[in-house]
Amino acid sequence: MALVKSVLATRTTQEIDFSPYGYVPTGWICILFVVLYSISTVLHFGQALKYKLWWMIPTATFAGALEIFGWSARLWSSQSSELLTPYEMQLVGTILAPTPLVAANFIILGKIINQVGPQFSRLTPKLYTIIFCCFDLICLIVQAIGGASAARALSQEQDPSMGANIMLGGIAAQLLIYVTLAAEFFLHLKYNAPFRHVEQPRVSEKCRRSVSGNLRILLGAMTFCTLCIFIRSIYRTVELAGGWLGPVITTQRDFDWLDGAMVTLAIYTLNFFHPGIWLNKGDLTADVSQQESDEEAASAT
């Protein structure tokens, strides 16, 4: 028995020594994430068809497909940890996956701006869509170049950090632009400071607007989704900053919790708080004056 344990321990040590991860991915954890992402992806595809939100297919649905791709590669690595091919696959899949998820949040923000009051946005709805599509395409190209660079470096047994950093830079730029535009819009809405006058029957610039309960819920969900992706991005940045053989990148539980779990929470948030449901729940704003009148009437009775 002692001899068997010694042989197994020696075999495990040798697998880790030859593994590009610095560890052997745990099989059941990989299966768990493949199943979770598969469920979410199927749900997103079905919800996109049900609510006719076709843009959710190349965004949230595609993000789920990339995660399935990445975690399937890690599952492959759990059986053959010394192979570089599945390692390269999971590297590209898991780093790229949040990009279309951020794109979904970008589009949802645009829909909210269009309904609540485009005059509170620096960009018009049409210009917003054009700039977003061009910027998102640039970010995807940048990340594709980074992924190709990282994969080529790995195949040549060189340091792939530069390529991975390029990929992370793409999603970091997306997050920065998204958070900046969202914060600016809601600050101008809160303080009734429109950039321009817009002839829109439902939105009066003479009456200060207040977000409705439905919009608050949707905004809370989007904020949580963005926070999860932001935490994940910080982790991947710290991971790569520590070097390809550093203590962070070679610790499996950090990756499982701060990458796998964070993206899982983000993608399921858009399942449970789907824009097809919450963007169609009536008027997303409420007149403050009307709210005050209702409160006075309620207190008088």
Protein backbone atom coordinates (compact mmCIF):
# COMPACT_ATOMS: atom_id res chain seq x y z
CA MET A 1 0.00 0.00 0.00
CA ALA A 2 2.81 2.39 0.86
CA LEU A 3 4.46 1.56 -2.46
CA VAL A 4 1.24 2.34 -4.37
CA LYS A 5 0.87 5.68 -2.58
CA SER A 6 4.50 6.52 -3.35
CA VAL A 7 4.05 5.71 -7.04
CA LEU A 8 0.86 7.79 -7.24
CA ALA A 9 2.49 10.72 -5.45
CA THR A 10 5.49 10.54 -7.79
CA ARG A 11 3.18 10.43 -10.82
CA THR A 12 1.19 13.44 -9.61
CA THR A 13 4.37 15.41 -8.96
CA GLN A 14 5.66 14.61 -12.43
CA GLU A 15 2.33 15.69 -13.99
CA ILE A 16 2.51 19.02 -12.17
CA ASP A 17 6.13 19.51 -13.22
CA PHE A 18 5.18 19.05 -16.88
CA SER A 19 1.88 20.98 -16.62
CA PRO A 20 1.87 24.52 -18.07
CA TYR A 21 -0.70 25.41 -15.38
CA GLY A 22 1.61 24.63 -12.49
CA TYR A 23 -1.12 22.23 -11.31
CA VAL A 24 -3.51 19.64 -12.76
CA PRO A 25 -7.04 21.08 -13.24
CA THR A 26 -9.61 19.25 -11.12
CA GLY A 27 -11.93 17.28 -13.38
CA TRP A 28 -15.20 17.67 -11.46
CA ILE A 29 -14.75 21.43 -11.16
CA CYS A 30 -14.27 21.69 -14.93
CA ILE A 31 -17.39 19.56 -15.50
CA LEU A 32 -19.36 21.76 -13.09
CA PHE A 33 -18.49 24.95 -14.97
CA VAL A 34 -19.11 23.34 -18.37
CA VAL A 35 -22.61 22.34 -17.17
CA LEU A 36 -23.34 25.76 -15.61
CA TYR A 37 -22.25 27.66 -18.71
CA SER A 38 -24.12 25.25 -20.97
CA ILE A 39 -27.38 25.84 -19.07
CA SER A 40 -26.92 29.62 -19.16
CA THR A 41 -26.02 29.60 -22.86
CA VAL A 42 -29.08 27.56 -23.81
CA LEU A 43 -31.26 29.86 -21.69
CA HIS A 44 -29.79 32.97 -23.32
CA PHE A 45 -30.38 31.54 -26.78
CA GLY A 46 -33.98 30.64 -25.90
CA GLN A 47 -34.62 34.03 -24.28
CA ALA A 48 -33.17 35.84 -27.31
CA LEU A 49 -35.60 33.97 -29.56
CA LYS A 50 -38.56 34.44 -27.21
CA TYR A 51 -38.13 38.20 -26.79
CA LYS A 52 -36.71 38.71 -30.32
CA LEU A 53 -33.58 40.34 -28.96
CA TRP A 54 -31.26 39.02 -31.65
CA TRP A 55 -28.32 41.02 -30.37
CA MET A 56 -28.24 38.82 -27.27
CA ILE A 57 -27.05 35.91 -29.45
CA PRO A 58 -23.67 37.38 -30.53
CA THR A 59 -23.21 38.89 -27.06
CA ALA A 60 -24.34 36.95 -23.95
CA THR A 61 -24.95 33.68 -25.82
CA PHE A 62 -21.56 33.87 -27.54
CA ALA A 63 -19.90 34.65 -24.19
CA GLY A 64 -21.35 31.43 -22.78
CA ALA A 65 -20.11 29.47 -25.81
CA LEU A 66 -16.59 30.83 -25.29
CA GLU A 67 -16.68 29.81 -21.62
CA ILE A 68 -17.85 26.31 -22.59
CA PHE A 69 -14.95 26.17 -25.05
CA GLY A 70 -12.46 27.32 -22.41
CA TRP A 71 -13.65 25.05 -19.61
CA SER A 72 -13.92 22.05 -21.95
CA ALA A 73 -10.26 22.62 -22.74
CA ARG A 74 -9.48 22.68 -19.02
CA LEU A 75 -11.40 19.41 -18.67
CA TRP A 76 -9.19 17.99 -21.41
CA SER A 77 -6.17 19.24 -19.47
CA SER A 78 -7.39 17.43 -16.35
CA GLN A 79 -6.78 14.21 -18.27
CA SER A 80 -3.68 15.31 -20.20
CA SER A 81 -2.18 18.19 -18.24
CA GLU A 82 1.12 18.12 -20.13
CA LEU A 83 -0.46 19.05 -23.49
CA LEU A 84 -0.11 22.63 -24.69
CA THR A 85 -3.08 22.61 -27.10
CA PRO A 86 -5.86 22.52 -24.47
CA TYR A 87 -3.91 25.04 -22.37
CA GLU A 88 -3.82 27.47 -25.30
CA MET A 89 -7.53 26.86 -25.94
CA GLN A 90 -8.56 27.61 -22.37
CA LEU A 91 -6.32 30.67 -22.25
CA VAL A 92 -8.00 32.24 -25.28
CA GLY A 93 -11.53 31.07 -24.36
CA THR A 94 -11.58 32.24 -20.75
CA ILE A 95 -9.90 35.59 -21.42
CA LEU A 96 -12.08 36.49 -24.43
CA ALA A 97 -15.42 35.31 -23.00
CA PRO A 98 -16.33 38.41 -20.91
CA THR A 99 -15.86 40.69 -23.95
CA PRO A 100 -19.25 39.95 -25.58
CA LEU A 101 -20.81 39.99 -22.10
CA VAL A 102 -19.67 43.59 -21.64
CA ALA A 103 -21.04 44.26 -25.12
CA ALA A 104 -24.48 43.07 -23.95
CA ASN A 105 -24.34 45.55 -21.05
CA PHE A 106 -23.32 48.27 -23.49
CA ILE A 107 -26.39 47.64 -25.66
CA ILE A 108 -28.73 47.43 -22.65
CA LEU A 109 -27.40 50.81 -21.47
CA GLY A 110 -28.15 52.25 -24.90
CA LYS A 111 -31.72 50.92 -24.72
CA ILE A 112 -32.18 52.46 -21.26
CA ILE A 113 -30.84 55.82 -22.46
CA ASN A 114 -33.21 55.80 -25.42
CA GLN A 115 -36.23 55.08 -23.18
CA VAL A 116 -35.39 57.24 -20.18
CA GLY A 117 -34.08 60.34 -21.96
CA PRO A 118 -31.46 60.58 -24.72
CA GLN A 119 -30.98 64.26 -23.91
CA PHE A 120 -29.11 63.25 -20.75
CA SER A 121 -26.53 61.33 -22.79
CA ARG A 122 -23.56 63.02 -24.42
CA LEU A 123 -24.14 60.83 -27.49
CA THR A 124 -27.34 60.52 -29.49
CA PRO A 125 -28.85 56.98 -29.66
CA LYS A 126 -27.78 56.60 -33.31
CA LEU A 127 -24.25 57.87 -32.67
CA TYR A 128 -24.06 55.76 -29.50
CA THR A 129 -24.77 52.59 -31.52
CA ILE A 130 -22.26 53.46 -34.26
CA ILE A 131 -19.45 54.30 -31.82
CA PHE A 132 -20.18 51.25 -29.67
CA CYS A 133 -20.13 48.83 -32.63
CA CYS A 134 -16.87 50.28 -33.99
CA PHE A 135 -15.21 50.32 -30.56
CA ASP A 136 -16.36 46.79 -29.73
CA LEU A 137 -15.03 45.53 -33.07
CA ILE A 138 -11.66 47.19 -32.39
CA CYS A 139 -11.52 45.59 -28.92
CA LEU A 140 -12.29 42.17 -30.37
CA ILE A 141 -9.57 42.57 -33.02
CA VAL A 142 -7.07 43.68 -30.38
CA GLN A 143 -7.92 40.69 -28.20
CA ALA A 144 -7.73 38.31 -31.17
CA ILE A 145 -4.24 39.64 -31.92
CA GLY A 146 -3.30 39.17 -28.27
CA GLY A 147 -4.67 35.63 -28.27
CA ALA A 148 -2.74 34.72 -31.40
CA SER A 149 0.42 36.22 -29.90
CA ALA A 150 0.01 34.28 -26.64
CA ALA A 151 -0.69 30.99 -28.45
CA ARG A 152 2.33 31.48 -30.73
CA ALA A 153 4.58 32.25 -27.75
CA LEU A 154 3.40 29.12 -25.94
CA SER A 155 4.02 26.92 -28.98
CA GLN A 156 7.57 28.33 -29.18
CA GLU A 157 8.08 27.87 -25.42
CA GLN A 158 8.33 31.62 -24.88
CA ASP A 159 6.66 33.93 -22.37
CA PRO A 160 3.06 34.57 -23.55
CA SER A 161 2.43 37.37 -21.04
CA MET A 162 2.49 40.15 -23.63
CA GLY A 163 -0.25 38.53 -25.72
CA ALA A 164 -2.38 37.85 -22.64
CA ASN A 165 -1.93 41.44 -21.46
CA ILE A 166 -3.11 42.69 -24.86
CA MET A 167 -6.27 40.60 -24.49
CA LEU A 168 -6.89 41.96 -21.01
CA GLY A 169 -6.25 45.49 -22.24
CA GLY A 170 -9.09 45.08 -24.73
CA ILE A 171 -11.70 44.21 -22.12
CA ALA A 172 -10.31 46.81 -19.68
CA ALA A 173 -10.85 49.50 -22.33
CA GLN A 174 -14.41 48.25 -22.86
CA LEU A 175 -15.18 48.37 -19.14
CA LEU A 176 -13.68 51.86 -18.79
CA ILE A 177 -15.75 53.34 -21.62
CA TYR A 178 -18.91 51.57 -20.45
CA VAL A 179 -18.63 52.69 -16.82
CA THR A 180 -17.73 56.26 -17.85
CA LEU A 181 -20.71 56.65 -20.19
CA ALA A 182 -23.12 55.03 -17.73
CA ALA A 183 -21.96 57.17 -14.78
CA GLU A 184 -22.14 60.37 -16.83
CA PHE A 185 -25.66 59.60 -18.06
CA PHE A 186 -27.12 58.81 -14.65
CA LEU A 187 -25.47 61.82 -13.01
CA HIS A 188 -26.98 64.13 -15.63
CA LEU A 189 -30.34 62.39 -15.18
CA LYS A 190 -30.20 62.71 -11.40
CA TYR A 191 -29.36 66.43 -11.45
CA ASN A 192 -31.64 67.20 -14.42
CA ALA A 193 -28.78 68.48 -16.56
CA PRO A 194 -29.54 67.54 -20.17
CA PHE A 195 -26.90 68.03 -22.86
CA ARG A 196 -29.53 69.17 -25.37
CA HIS A 197 -33.27 69.53 -25.87
CA VAL A 198 -35.04 66.50 -27.34
CA GLU A 199 -38.62 66.52 -28.56
CA GLN A 200 -39.90 63.43 -26.82
CA PRO A 201 -43.50 63.28 -25.54
CA ARG A 202 -42.70 60.86 -22.76
CA VAL A 203 -39.79 62.83 -21.38
CA SER A 204 -40.26 66.45 -20.31
CA GLU A 205 -37.23 68.56 -19.50
CA LYS A 206 -39.43 70.86 -17.42
CA CYS A 207 -40.13 68.09 -15.00
CA ARG A 208 -37.30 66.34 -13.22
CA ARG A 209 -37.29 62.59 -13.81
CA SER A 210 -36.79 59.85 -11.29
CA VAL A 211 -35.97 56.25 -12.12
CA SER A 212 -38.80 53.78 -11.56
CA GLY A 213 -38.61 50.68 -9.42
CA ASN A 214 -38.22 48.46 -12.50
CA LEU A 215 -35.29 50.50 -13.73
CA ARG A 216 -33.67 50.42 -10.29
CA ILE A 217 -33.83 46.63 -10.32
CA LEU A 218 -32.37 46.43 -13.83
CA LEU A 219 -29.62 48.92 -12.96
CA GLY A 220 -28.80 46.97 -9.81
CA ALA A 221 -28.47 43.78 -11.87
CA MET A 222 -26.26 45.52 -14.44
CA THR A 223 -24.11 47.00 -11.69
CA PHE A 224 -23.64 43.57 -10.09
CA CYS A 225 -22.83 42.03 -13.49
CA THR A 226 -20.25 44.74 -14.19
CA LEU A 227 -18.76 44.39 -10.70
CA CYS A 228 -18.26 40.64 -11.21
CA ILE A 229 -16.50 41.22 -14.54
CA PHE A 230 -14.42 44.00 -12.97
CA ILE A 231 -13.28 41.71 -10.12
CA ARG A 232 -12.42 39.04 -12.65
CA SER A 233 -10.41 41.55 -14.74
CA ILE A 234 -8.45 42.71 -11.68
CA TYR A 235 -7.66 39.10 -10.86
CA ARG A 236 -6.42 38.32 -14.37
CA THR A 237 -4.28 41.47 -14.34
CA VAL A 238 -2.70 40.56 -11.00
CA GLU A 239 -2.33 36.98 -12.21
CA LEU A 240 -0.29 37.99 -15.24
CA ALA A 241 1.62 40.70 -13.39
CA GLY A 242 2.99 38.00 -11.10
CA GLY A 243 4.60 36.20 -14.01
CA TRP A 244 3.75 33.03 -15.89
CA LEU A 245 5.07 30.92 -13.03
CA GLY A 246 3.96 33.24 -10.23
CA PRO A 247 1.99 32.19 -7.13
CA VAL A 248 -1.35 33.54 -8.39
CA ILE A 249 -1.44 31.99 -11.84
CA THR A 250 -0.36 28.60 -10.47
CA THR A 251 -3.09 28.49 -7.79
CA GLN A 252 -6.18 26.71 -9.07
CA ARG A 253 -8.69 27.86 -6.45
CA ASP A 254 -7.99 31.52 -7.27
CA PHE A 255 -8.85 30.89 -10.91
CA ASP A 256 -11.97 28.88 -10.03
CA TRP A 257 -13.38 31.54 -7.71
CA LEU A 258 -12.15 34.80 -9.22
CA ASP A 259 -12.56 33.89 -12.88
CA GLY A 260 -14.96 30.97 -13.25
CA ALA A 261 -17.34 31.91 -10.44
CA MET A 262 -17.33 35.66 -11.21
CA VAL A 263 -18.20 35.19 -14.88
CA THR A 264 -20.82 32.59 -13.93
CA LEU A 265 -22.53 35.09 -11.62
CA ALA A 266 -22.33 37.78 -14.31
CA ILE A 267 -23.83 35.69 -17.09
CA TYR A 268 -26.62 34.27 -14.90
CA THR A 269 -27.49 37.78 -13.74
CA LEU A 270 -28.50 38.57 -17.33
CA ASN A 271 -30.55 35.36 -17.39
CA PHE A 272 -32.55 36.24 -14.28
CA PHE A 273 -32.80 39.96 -15.05
CA HIS A 274 -33.16 39.62 -18.78
CA PRO A 275 -33.59 42.87 -20.76
CA GLY A 276 -36.44 41.27 -22.69
CA ILE A 277 -38.44 41.29 -19.45
CA TRP A 278 -37.27 44.36 -17.58
CA LEU A 279 -36.97 46.75 -20.53
CA ASN A 280 -40.60 46.07 -21.39
CA LYS A 281 -42.12 46.65 -17.95
CA GLY A 282 -43.79 49.94 -18.77
CA ASP A 283 -42.28 53.38 -18.29
CA LEU A 284 -38.78 53.21 -16.86
CA THR A 285 -39.11 56.67 -15.32
CA ALA A 286 -41.49 58.42 -12.99
CA ASP A 287 -42.11 62.14 -12.62
CA VAL A 288 -40.87 63.40 -9.28
CA SER A 289 -43.71 65.91 -9.10
CA GLN A 290 -46.24 63.14 -9.59
CA GLN A 291 -44.53 61.02 -6.94
CA GLU A 292 -44.66 63.90 -4.46
CA SER A 293 -48.37 64.49 -5.18
CA ASP A 294 -49.11 60.81 -4.61
CA GLU A 295 -47.19 60.87 -1.32
CA GLU A 296 -49.08 63.99 -0.15
CA ALA A 297 -52.42 62.42 -1.04
CA ALA A 298 -51.48 59.25 0.80
CA SER A 299 -50.41 61.18 3.93
CA ALA A 300 -53.64 63.27 3.87
CA THR A 301 -55.76 60.14 3.97
